[in-house]
Amino acid sequence: MLRLDANRSVSFCDGLTRRDFLHAGALSSLGLTLPGLLAHKARAATKDSDVNCIMLFLVGGPSHIDTWDPKPKAPEEVRGPFRPIRTSVAGMQITEIFPKMAKLADRFSLIRSVYHTATAVHDTGHQMMQTGRLFSGGIEYPHVGSVLAYLKGQRGEVPGYVLLPRPIGRTGGNLPHGHSAGFLGKQYDPFILNADPNDKHFKVPDLLPPDYLSAVRAQRRQRMREAVDGAIASFENQPQAKQLDDNFHLAYRLMSSPQARAAFDLAKETDKMRDRYGRTRFGQSCLLARRLIEAGVRLVTVNMFETVFDEITWDIHGSRPFTDITEMAKQVAPNYDQAYSTLLEDLKERGLYDSTIVVAMGEFGRTPKINPAGGRDHHPGVWTIMLGGGPIKGGRVVGESDELGYVPKTRPVTPGEVAATLFKSLGLDPHRELNGPQNRPLPLADYSVQPIKELF
C-alpha cells in the first residue's frame, strides 16, 4: 500500500511507469494510479463535435452463425441449433437467443462482412478491432479512446477514456490487447476501473483515499503537494516529470471531484434501473458506462469478459476450459441481450443516443462447421458486428457472408474501415496525422482506408 508519509527514494527500472511512480511518491490517493487521469486539455485546433462512444467488446469472439448471421438453409453441421427470428426491420433476421435485440433492430446496423487475414488468435483481433491496425515493426497503435482523449482532451473533471470493468487478461497469447494508448504515451491510457460494479461492496478504488487516510484532517490534505514534492525530489529531474507536474492538479481535482465521484456512484441508480440492466458484471458495467457518458466521459470501453478460460464466454470451442454452444445460449446470450437492449433504450430515453455511438464487436467469428467437441473454433474469415447511435444510421445490413458463413460474399469490411468509421463519427478526420515514433507522421487510419459510407 502506498503511504503518504513515506520518505524513501525509489529508483525507476524502465524510465517511468505510473505504477512504479506510485510506489515512489504519494500519488495513488491523488488519483494517479490510472494513466487516463492525466489527459491534457483539448487541442485548440480540434473542434469538439460532442459525439461520444460506448464500445462493448465481446471478448471471446461470438459465433456469427449462432447470433446475428443465421444460415437456416445450410447443412445441419453448419446452421447450428438456433432458429432465425424476424426483427423490427424487414428482411433482417437474427437468432432466437436475442429476442430483446430483435425488437430494437431499427436502432442499430449489422455489418456481416467483417474479416481479417492475420493469425486467428484472440490478441490479434483485440488489437485490430480496437485500433484499426496490427502491432508490427515495434509500433503499438493507440486505441480509439486514447486518440480521442489525445486530440480532444477531457471534459471537466472526468477522464476522457475509461475502461470497464477490467482490461483483457490471459487469452492464450502474449501480445498487446489494443486497449492502451500505444505510441501516444501512457498519459493517454484509459482510466481502468479494476473493480466489479456488480459486487455489493463495489467502490472505485482509485478515486478513494486508502482507509488509513480517513482520519487525516482536511487542512493536512491541502498540504499533500508538499509531501509529494519531498518524496519525489529526485524524480523531478526525469524528462517526464514536467508532464506529471503540469497535470498534478488535474489528477487531484479528479480524486476529490464531486462530479467524478457521482459519475461512478451506482448507488444513485434505482433498484429498478439496476435490475433492468441485469445484476451481472456486464449489465452493471453497461449501466455505469451510461452514467459516465452522461457525466462527460468521451469514450467508455466495456469488456464483457477478462479471459476466455474457465468461464462461460463467447469462446465456444465446446470443451473445457472453454464453452459449448448450449452454455453460451443459456448464460452469455441472455446477459448480453438484456444489457445491450437496455443500454440502447436508456440512452434513447435520456436523449443521449443521438450523440452516443454504441459499437458491439468481438475479435473474430467462429468456424461454420461445428467441431467434434460440439463447438466452433476461431475464424477471422468473416463475422458480424453492430453499430448504432450518433450519426450512424440504424436498421441497415452492410455486406453479407457466403452461404456457409466462411468468407464475405459482398462488401468485405476490414478492421481499419471500422476504426475509420468510428473516427469519422466522433468528428475526427480519419486521415489526420499523429506524431508517431521517431516523429514519423501516422494517420489515424491508413490513407487507403475509408469509413463505411453505407452507415451514414
Protein backbone atom coordinates (compact mmCIF):
# COMPACT_ATOMS: atom_id res chain seq x y z
CA MET A 1 0.00 0.00 0.00
CA LEU A 2 1.24 3.46 -0.82
CA ARG A 3 1.80 5.73 2.18
CA LEU A 4 1.87 9.50 2.08
CA ASP A 5 4.41 9.58 4.90
CA ALA A 6 6.98 7.51 3.03
CA ASN A 7 10.32 9.32 2.59
CA ARG A 8 12.41 6.62 0.91
CA SER A 9 13.71 7.31 -2.57
CA VAL A 10 12.82 4.86 -5.31
CA SER A 11 14.73 4.14 -8.49
CA PHE A 12 12.83 3.61 -11.75
CA CYS A 13 13.63 0.48 -13.72
CA ASP A 14 12.08 1.42 -17.05
CA GLY A 15 12.37 5.18 -17.27
CA LEU A 16 8.91 5.80 -15.87
CA THR A 17 5.79 3.76 -15.43
CA ARG A 18 2.96 5.27 -13.47
CA ARG A 19 2.66 2.17 -11.30
CA ASP A 20 6.36 2.43 -10.34
CA PHE A 21 5.95 6.13 -9.72
CA LEU A 22 3.12 5.43 -7.30
CA HIS A 23 5.39 3.20 -5.25
CA ALA A 24 7.86 6.08 -5.05
CA GLY A 25 5.72 9.03 -4.19
CA ALA A 26 2.31 9.61 -2.75
CA LEU A 27 0.06 9.71 -5.76
CA SER A 28 -2.34 6.77 -5.65
CA SER A 29 -4.55 8.57 -3.19
CA LEU A 30 -4.48 11.54 -5.54
CA GLY A 31 -5.97 9.57 -8.40
CA LEU A 32 -2.80 9.00 -10.41
CA THR A 33 -2.77 5.21 -10.35
CA LEU A 34 -4.66 5.15 -13.60
CA PRO A 35 -2.95 6.77 -16.54
CA GLY A 36 -6.11 8.07 -18.14
CA LEU A 37 -6.42 10.64 -15.36
CA LEU A 38 -3.64 12.74 -16.81
CA ALA A 39 -5.06 13.57 -20.24
CA HIS A 40 -4.13 17.01 -21.48
CA LYS A 41 -6.58 19.78 -22.27
CA ALA A 42 -8.27 19.64 -25.66
CA ARG A 43 -6.16 20.81 -28.56
CA ALA A 44 -7.38 24.24 -29.62
CA ALA A 45 -7.34 23.31 -33.29
CA THR A 46 -9.77 20.43 -32.79
CA LYS A 47 -13.45 21.18 -32.91
CA ASP A 48 -15.50 19.18 -30.38
CA SER A 49 -18.42 17.58 -32.18
CA ASP A 50 -19.83 16.31 -28.86
CA VAL A 51 -20.25 12.76 -30.12
CA ASN A 52 -19.29 10.08 -27.61
CA CYS A 53 -18.86 6.31 -27.82
CA ILE A 54 -19.55 3.20 -25.79
CA MET A 55 -17.54 0.26 -27.09
CA LEU A 56 -18.81 -3.14 -25.96
CA PHE A 57 -16.03 -5.62 -26.55
CA LEU A 58 -17.36 -9.17 -26.70
CA VAL A 59 -14.20 -10.94 -25.63
CA GLY A 60 -14.00 -14.49 -26.93
CA GLY A 61 -15.37 -13.98 -30.44
CA PRO A 62 -19.14 -14.60 -30.86
CA SER A 63 -20.21 -17.12 -33.48
CA HIS A 64 -21.80 -15.10 -36.28
CA ILE A 65 -23.92 -18.06 -37.40
CA ASP A 66 -25.38 -18.65 -33.93
CA THR A 67 -26.07 -14.95 -33.34
CA TRP A 68 -26.55 -12.24 -35.97
CA ASP A 69 -25.97 -14.04 -39.29
CA PRO A 70 -28.08 -17.21 -39.19
CA LYS A 71 -27.81 -19.75 -42.00
CA PRO A 72 -31.10 -21.70 -41.84
CA LYS A 73 -30.60 -23.30 -45.27
CA ALA A 74 -27.09 -24.54 -44.57
CA PRO A 75 -26.36 -28.19 -43.66
CA GLU A 76 -27.09 -29.18 -40.05
CA GLU A 77 -23.44 -29.21 -39.04
CA VAL A 78 -23.24 -25.56 -40.11
CA ARG A 79 -26.57 -23.96 -39.28
CA GLY A 80 -26.45 -24.86 -35.59
CA PRO A 81 -29.27 -25.35 -33.09
CA PHE A 82 -30.93 -21.92 -33.15
CA ARG A 83 -33.69 -20.83 -35.48
CA PRO A 84 -33.80 -17.35 -37.03
CA ILE A 85 -36.41 -14.84 -35.90
CA ARG A 86 -37.73 -11.68 -37.50
CA THR A 87 -36.71 -8.29 -36.21
CA SER A 88 -38.36 -4.88 -36.27
CA VAL A 89 -36.57 -4.26 -39.60
CA ALA A 90 -37.99 -6.01 -42.64
CA GLY A 91 -35.58 -8.56 -44.06
CA MET A 92 -33.21 -8.53 -41.08
CA GLN A 93 -33.12 -11.77 -39.11
CA ILE A 94 -31.10 -12.77 -36.08
CA THR A 95 -31.28 -15.92 -33.99
CA GLU A 96 -33.85 -16.65 -31.31
CA ILE A 97 -31.37 -16.19 -28.46
CA PHE A 98 -31.73 -12.38 -28.78
CA PRO A 99 -35.47 -11.62 -28.51
CA LYS A 100 -34.98 -8.18 -26.94
CA MET A 101 -32.50 -7.05 -29.58
CA ALA A 102 -34.87 -8.17 -32.31
CA LYS A 103 -37.38 -5.53 -31.20
CA LEU A 104 -34.80 -2.73 -31.43
CA ALA A 105 -33.22 -3.55 -34.78
CA ASP A 106 -34.14 -0.14 -36.18
CA ARG A 107 -31.67 1.43 -33.75
CA PHE A 108 -28.54 -0.42 -34.83
CA SER A 109 -26.99 -1.71 -38.03
CA LEU A 110 -25.28 -5.03 -38.65
CA ILE A 111 -22.05 -5.38 -40.59
CA ARG A 112 -21.99 -9.03 -41.66
CA SER A 113 -18.81 -8.99 -43.71
CA VAL A 114 -16.02 -8.01 -41.30
CA TYR A 115 -12.86 -10.04 -41.81
CA HIS A 116 -9.10 -10.04 -41.40
CA THR A 117 -6.28 -12.21 -42.73
CA ALA A 118 -3.94 -12.14 -39.73
CA THR A 119 -3.35 -15.03 -37.35
CA ALA A 120 -6.52 -16.45 -35.83
CA VAL A 121 -5.65 -15.69 -32.22
CA HIS A 122 -7.55 -13.53 -29.73
CA ASP A 123 -4.81 -10.93 -29.21
CA THR A 124 -4.56 -10.15 -32.90
CA GLY A 125 -8.28 -9.49 -33.17
CA HIS A 126 -8.31 -7.43 -29.98
CA GLN A 127 -5.65 -5.13 -31.42
CA MET A 128 -7.09 -4.77 -34.89
CA MET A 129 -10.67 -4.11 -33.82
CA GLN A 130 -9.78 -1.52 -31.18
CA THR A 131 -7.02 0.31 -33.05
CA GLY A 132 -7.66 -0.47 -36.72
CA ARG A 133 -4.17 -1.92 -37.13
CA LEU A 134 -1.97 -4.83 -36.10
CA PHE A 135 1.03 -4.38 -33.80
CA SER A 136 4.03 -4.50 -36.13
CA GLY A 137 7.54 -3.19 -36.53
CA GLY A 138 7.71 -2.43 -32.82
CA ILE A 139 4.82 0.04 -33.12
CA GLU A 140 1.85 -0.37 -30.83
CA TYR A 141 -1.06 1.67 -32.17
CA PRO A 142 -3.42 3.59 -29.89
CA HIS A 143 -6.97 2.62 -29.01
CA VAL A 144 -9.69 4.82 -30.50
CA GLY A 145 -10.42 6.14 -26.99
CA SER A 146 -6.80 7.16 -26.47
CA VAL A 147 -6.79 9.02 -29.78
CA LEU A 148 -9.98 10.80 -28.77
CA ALA A 149 -8.53 11.76 -25.38
CA TYR A 150 -5.31 12.95 -27.02
CA LEU A 151 -7.00 15.12 -29.64
CA LYS A 152 -9.98 16.41 -27.69
CA GLY A 153 -8.90 16.19 -24.06
CA GLN A 154 -11.30 15.63 -21.21
CA ARG A 155 -14.44 17.45 -20.24
CA GLY A 156 -14.47 18.91 -16.78
CA GLU A 157 -13.02 16.62 -14.14
CA VAL A 158 -13.88 13.20 -15.56
CA PRO A 159 -11.41 11.19 -17.66
CA GLY A 160 -11.64 11.28 -21.44
CA TYR A 161 -11.40 7.49 -21.84
CA VAL A 162 -12.48 4.86 -19.30
CA LEU A 163 -12.20 1.06 -19.43
CA LEU A 164 -14.66 -1.16 -17.51
CA PRO A 165 -14.54 -3.34 -15.53
CA ARG A 166 -11.01 -4.68 -16.10
CA PRO A 167 -8.57 -4.91 -19.03
CA ILE A 168 -8.43 -8.04 -21.15
CA GLY A 169 -6.13 -10.54 -19.50
CA ARG A 170 -5.00 -14.02 -20.43
CA THR A 171 -6.46 -15.21 -23.73
CA GLY A 172 -3.73 -17.58 -24.92
CA GLY A 173 -1.22 -15.18 -26.44
CA ASN A 174 1.36 -12.70 -25.24
CA LEU A 175 0.66 -9.72 -27.50
CA PRO A 176 -0.84 -6.35 -26.56
CA HIS A 177 -4.64 -6.40 -26.47
CA GLY A 178 -5.13 -2.99 -28.06
CA HIS A 179 -6.71 -1.06 -25.20
CA SER A 180 -3.72 1.18 -24.42
CA ALA A 181 -2.51 4.48 -25.86
CA GLY A 182 0.40 2.76 -27.60
CA PHE A 183 2.85 5.24 -29.08
CA LEU A 184 0.86 8.22 -27.79
CA GLY A 185 2.21 7.55 -24.31
CA LYS A 186 0.88 6.23 -21.05
CA GLN A 187 -0.72 9.53 -20.10
CA TYR A 188 -3.43 8.71 -22.66
CA ASP A 189 -4.06 5.18 -21.42
CA PRO A 190 -7.59 4.59 -20.14
CA PHE A 191 -8.78 5.14 -16.60
CA ILE A 192 -9.21 1.47 -15.66
CA LEU A 193 -11.86 0.69 -13.08
CA ASN A 194 -10.35 -2.63 -11.92
CA ALA A 195 -13.45 -3.49 -9.92
CA ASP A 196 -16.72 -5.37 -10.45
CA PRO A 197 -19.63 -2.90 -10.41
CA ASN A 198 -21.98 -5.79 -9.61
CA ASP A 199 -20.16 -6.52 -6.36
CA LYS A 200 -22.21 -5.47 -3.34
CA HIS A 201 -19.08 -3.83 -1.91
CA PHE A 202 -18.27 -2.03 -5.16
CA LYS A 203 -16.36 1.22 -4.95
CA VAL A 204 -13.92 2.98 -7.23
CA PRO A 205 -10.53 2.24 -5.64
CA ASP A 206 -8.51 4.99 -7.30
CA LEU A 207 -10.99 7.74 -6.57
CA LEU A 208 -10.96 6.94 -2.86
CA PRO A 209 -8.06 7.50 -0.46
CA PRO A 210 -6.69 4.48 1.44
CA ASP A 211 -8.63 3.62 4.58
CA TYR A 212 -5.86 4.80 6.86
CA LEU A 213 -6.26 8.34 5.49
CA SER A 214 -9.85 8.65 6.65
CA ALA A 215 -8.76 10.38 9.86
CA VAL A 216 -6.39 12.83 8.19
CA ARG A 217 -7.55 16.37 8.69
CA ALA A 218 -8.80 18.44 5.77
CA GLN A 219 -6.07 21.02 6.20
CA ARG A 220 -3.42 18.33 6.09
CA ARG A 221 -4.83 17.04 2.80
CA GLN A 222 -4.39 20.55 1.42
CA ARG A 223 -0.66 20.17 2.07
CA MET A 224 -0.39 16.87 0.17
CA ARG A 225 1.52 18.50 -2.62
CA GLU A 226 4.33 19.46 -0.26
CA ALA A 227 4.52 15.88 0.99
CA VAL A 228 4.68 14.59 -2.56
CA ASP A 229 7.33 17.12 -3.51
CA GLY A 230 9.51 15.91 -0.67
CA ALA A 231 9.06 12.26 -1.60
CA ILE A 232 9.91 12.66 -5.27
CA ALA A 233 12.58 15.34 -5.32
CA SER A 234 14.97 13.11 -7.23
CA PHE A 235 12.26 12.08 -9.64
CA GLU A 236 11.66 15.65 -10.75
CA ASN A 237 14.89 15.60 -12.71
CA GLN A 238 13.36 12.99 -15.03
CA PRO A 239 12.35 14.24 -18.51
CA GLN A 240 8.77 13.17 -17.90
CA ALA A 241 8.46 14.96 -14.58
CA LYS A 242 7.26 18.21 -16.06
CA GLN A 243 4.37 16.45 -17.74
CA LEU A 244 3.30 14.96 -14.44
CA ASP A 245 3.78 18.28 -12.71
CA ASP A 246 1.62 20.05 -15.30
CA ASN A 247 -1.14 17.54 -14.72
CA PHE A 248 -0.84 17.08 -10.96
CA HIS A 249 -3.67 19.39 -10.05
CA LEU A 250 -5.86 17.87 -12.76
CA ALA A 251 -5.42 14.44 -11.16
CA TYR A 252 -6.02 15.81 -7.68
CA ARG A 253 -9.22 17.51 -8.81
CA LEU A 254 -10.44 14.22 -10.24
CA MET A 255 -9.76 12.38 -6.99
CA SER A 256 -11.65 14.97 -5.00
CA SER A 257 -14.21 15.94 -7.63
CA PRO A 258 -17.89 15.54 -6.75
CA GLN A 259 -18.57 15.26 -10.49
CA ALA A 260 -16.24 12.28 -10.88
CA ARG A 261 -17.41 10.58 -7.70
CA ALA A 262 -21.04 10.97 -8.66
CA ALA A 263 -20.43 9.55 -12.13
CA PHE A 264 -19.08 6.31 -10.68
CA ASP A 265 -21.69 6.03 -7.92
CA LEU A 266 -24.14 3.30 -8.95
CA ALA A 267 -25.96 3.71 -5.64
CA LYS A 268 -27.57 6.78 -7.20
CA GLU A 269 -29.45 4.47 -9.60
CA THR A 270 -32.77 2.95 -8.58
CA ASP A 271 -33.03 -0.76 -7.94
CA LYS A 272 -35.48 -0.90 -10.84
CA MET A 273 -32.93 0.54 -13.24
CA ARG A 274 -30.17 -1.73 -12.00
CA ASP A 275 -32.45 -4.74 -12.37
CA ARG A 276 -33.35 -3.58 -15.85
CA TYR A 277 -29.72 -3.80 -16.99
CA GLY A 278 -29.28 -7.13 -15.23
CA ARG A 279 -27.47 -7.86 -11.98
CA THR A 280 -24.37 -9.12 -13.72
CA ARG A 281 -20.87 -7.75 -14.15
CA PHE A 282 -21.60 -6.87 -17.77
CA GLY A 283 -25.05 -5.45 -17.08
CA GLN A 284 -23.86 -3.15 -14.32
CA SER A 285 -20.82 -2.14 -16.40
CA CYS A 286 -23.17 -1.06 -19.20
CA LEU A 287 -25.19 0.98 -16.70
CA LEU A 288 -22.00 2.55 -15.38
CA ALA A 289 -20.95 3.30 -18.96
CA ARG A 290 -24.16 5.26 -19.47
CA ARG A 291 -23.54 7.20 -16.26
CA LEU A 292 -20.01 8.06 -17.37
CA ILE A 293 -21.12 9.25 -20.79
CA GLU A 294 -23.80 11.33 -19.11
CA ALA A 295 -21.12 12.87 -16.87
CA GLY A 296 -18.89 13.86 -19.79
CA VAL A 297 -16.58 10.90 -20.48
CA ARG A 298 -15.91 10.74 -24.21
CA LEU A 299 -15.40 7.01 -24.71
CA VAL A 300 -16.08 4.03 -22.46
CA THR A 301 -14.95 0.50 -23.30
CA VAL A 302 -16.79 -2.34 -21.58
CA ASN A 303 -15.01 -5.69 -21.77
CA MET A 304 -17.65 -8.38 -21.41
CA PHE A 305 -15.01 -10.82 -20.20
CA GLU A 306 -11.46 -10.59 -18.94
CA THR A 307 -10.36 -14.05 -20.08
CA VAL A 308 -11.67 -16.98 -22.12
CA PHE A 309 -10.52 -19.70 -19.74
CA ASP A 310 -12.64 -21.44 -17.10
CA GLU A 311 -15.55 -19.06 -17.57
CA ILE A 312 -18.69 -19.23 -19.68
CA THR A 313 -17.88 -16.85 -22.58
CA TRP A 314 -18.31 -16.45 -26.35
CA ASP A 315 -15.29 -18.73 -26.90
CA ILE A 316 -17.33 -21.83 -27.79
CA HIS A 317 -14.71 -24.44 -28.63
CA GLY A 318 -17.06 -26.94 -26.99
CA SER A 319 -14.87 -28.46 -24.28
CA ARG A 320 -13.22 -27.25 -21.06
CA PRO A 321 -11.65 -24.86 -20.26
CA PHE A 322 -13.82 -23.21 -22.90
CA THR A 323 -17.57 -23.03 -23.52
CA ASP A 324 -20.04 -25.01 -25.59
CA ILE A 325 -22.85 -23.64 -27.71
CA THR A 326 -25.58 -24.55 -25.21
CA GLU A 327 -23.85 -22.84 -22.28
CA MET A 328 -23.34 -19.73 -24.39
CA ALA A 329 -27.03 -19.63 -25.27
CA LYS A 330 -28.18 -20.16 -21.68
CA GLN A 331 -25.90 -17.67 -19.95
CA VAL A 332 -23.94 -15.35 -22.22
CA ALA A 333 -26.62 -14.52 -24.77
CA PRO A 334 -29.37 -13.54 -22.27
CA ASN A 335 -26.88 -11.43 -20.33
CA TYR A 336 -25.86 -9.60 -23.48
CA ASP A 337 -29.39 -9.34 -24.87
CA GLN A 338 -30.70 -7.71 -21.70
CA ALA A 339 -27.83 -5.30 -21.08
CA TYR A 340 -27.36 -4.21 -24.70
CA SER A 341 -31.06 -3.66 -25.31
CA THR A 342 -31.50 -1.75 -22.06
CA LEU A 343 -28.49 0.42 -22.87
CA LEU A 344 -30.00 1.43 -26.23
CA GLU A 345 -33.37 2.13 -24.64
CA ASP A 346 -31.89 4.05 -21.70
CA LEU A 347 -29.71 6.23 -23.92
CA LYS A 348 -32.71 6.97 -26.12
CA GLU A 349 -34.96 7.82 -23.17
CA ARG A 350 -32.34 10.23 -21.79
CA GLY A 351 -31.76 11.97 -25.11
CA LEU A 352 -28.22 10.61 -25.35
CA TYR A 353 -28.47 8.15 -28.23
CA ASP A 354 -28.22 10.78 -30.95
CA SER A 355 -24.85 11.83 -29.53
CA THR A 356 -23.54 8.42 -28.43
CA ILE A 357 -22.25 5.70 -30.73
CA VAL A 358 -22.70 2.19 -29.38
CA VAL A 359 -20.46 -0.35 -31.09
CA ALA A 360 -20.53 -4.03 -30.10
CA MET A 361 -17.94 -6.35 -31.56
CA GLY A 362 -15.74 -9.36 -30.97
CA GLU A 363 -12.28 -10.17 -32.26
CA PHE A 364 -13.38 -12.73 -34.88
CA GLY A 365 -16.16 -15.17 -35.77
CA ARG A 366 -16.31 -18.94 -35.44
CA THR A 367 -15.80 -21.76 -37.90
CA PRO A 368 -19.03 -22.57 -39.75
CA LYS A 369 -18.70 -26.31 -39.31
CA ILE A 370 -19.32 -27.50 -35.75
CA ASN A 371 -16.28 -29.36 -34.45
CA PRO A 372 -16.28 -32.88 -32.88
CA ALA A 373 -16.48 -31.34 -29.38
CA GLY A 374 -19.77 -29.68 -30.29
CA GLY A 375 -18.35 -26.18 -30.62
CA ARG A 376 -16.85 -23.82 -33.15
CA ASP A 377 -13.24 -22.68 -33.42
CA HIS A 378 -11.58 -19.34 -34.23
CA HIS A 379 -12.45 -17.93 -37.64
CA PRO A 380 -11.36 -14.43 -38.75
CA GLY A 381 -12.60 -15.17 -42.28
CA VAL A 382 -15.90 -13.34 -41.64
CA TRP A 383 -18.05 -12.22 -38.74
CA THR A 384 -20.69 -9.69 -37.66
CA ILE A 385 -20.51 -6.53 -35.57
CA MET A 386 -23.12 -3.91 -34.58
CA LEU A 387 -23.06 -0.12 -34.67
CA GLY A 388 -25.70 2.46 -33.90
CA GLY A 389 -26.26 5.85 -32.33
CA GLY A 390 -24.76 9.24 -33.06
CA PRO A 391 -24.55 9.87 -36.81
CA ILE A 392 -24.71 6.15 -37.62
CA LYS A 393 -27.98 5.01 -39.15
CA GLY A 394 -29.88 2.08 -37.69
CA GLY A 395 -31.84 -0.70 -39.38
CA ARG A 396 -29.25 -1.46 -42.05
CA VAL A 397 -27.34 -4.57 -43.02
CA VAL A 398 -23.96 -3.92 -44.59
CA GLY A 399 -22.37 -6.78 -46.51
CA GLU A 400 -23.13 -10.46 -46.34
CA SER A 401 -21.23 -13.66 -45.81
CA ASP A 402 -21.41 -16.57 -48.22
CA GLU A 403 -23.98 -19.35 -47.91
CA LEU A 404 -21.91 -21.23 -45.30
CA GLY A 405 -20.53 -18.22 -43.44
CA TYR A 406 -16.90 -18.77 -44.44
CA VAL A 407 -15.99 -15.54 -46.21
CA PRO A 408 -17.57 -12.23 -47.22
CA LYS A 409 -19.82 -12.58 -50.25
CA THR A 410 -20.38 -8.85 -50.72
CA ARG A 411 -18.86 -5.66 -49.34
CA PRO A 412 -15.91 -7.03 -47.32
CA VAL A 413 -15.07 -4.77 -44.37
CA THR A 414 -11.68 -4.59 -42.63
CA PRO A 415 -10.93 -3.60 -39.02
CA GLY A 416 -9.31 -0.47 -40.43
CA GLU A 417 -12.59 0.55 -42.04
CA VAL A 418 -14.38 0.02 -38.73
CA ALA A 419 -11.86 2.30 -36.98
CA ALA A 420 -12.15 4.93 -39.74
CA THR A 421 -15.93 4.84 -39.32
CA LEU A 422 -15.61 5.45 -35.58
CA PHE A 423 -13.16 8.30 -36.09
CA LYS A 424 -15.46 9.98 -38.61
CA SER A 425 -18.47 9.50 -36.34
CA LEU A 426 -16.55 11.08 -33.46
CA GLY A 427 -15.82 14.17 -35.52
CA LEU A 428 -12.22 13.31 -36.42
CA ASP A 429 -10.65 13.19 -39.86
CA PRO A 430 -9.68 9.50 -40.28
CA HIS A 431 -6.54 10.58 -42.12
CA ARG A 432 -5.43 13.22 -39.67
CA GLU A 433 -1.79 12.59 -38.84
CA LEU A 434 -0.39 11.89 -35.39
CA ASN A 435 3.22 12.28 -34.40
CA GLY A 436 4.36 8.66 -34.26
CA PRO A 437 7.61 7.01 -33.17
CA GLN A 438 10.76 8.79 -34.37
CA ASN A 439 8.49 11.73 -35.29
CA ARG A 440 7.07 9.74 -38.16
CA PRO A 441 3.63 11.06 -39.18
CA LEU A 442 0.97 8.35 -38.89
CA PRO A 443 -2.65 8.86 -39.94
CA LEU A 444 -5.47 7.75 -37.63
CA ALA A 445 -6.42 5.21 -40.30
CA ASP A 446 -4.33 4.23 -43.31
CA TYR A 447 -4.69 6.65 -46.20
CA SER A 448 -6.25 3.97 -48.42
CA VAL A 449 -8.93 3.15 -45.82
CA GLN A 450 -12.29 4.92 -45.89
CA PRO A 451 -15.24 4.94 -43.46
CA ILE A 452 -18.17 2.64 -44.18
CA LYS A 453 -20.31 5.06 -46.19
CA GLU A 454 -23.42 2.86 -46.02
CA LEU A 455 -23.79 3.68 -42.32
CA PHE A 456 -24.20 7.43 -42.80
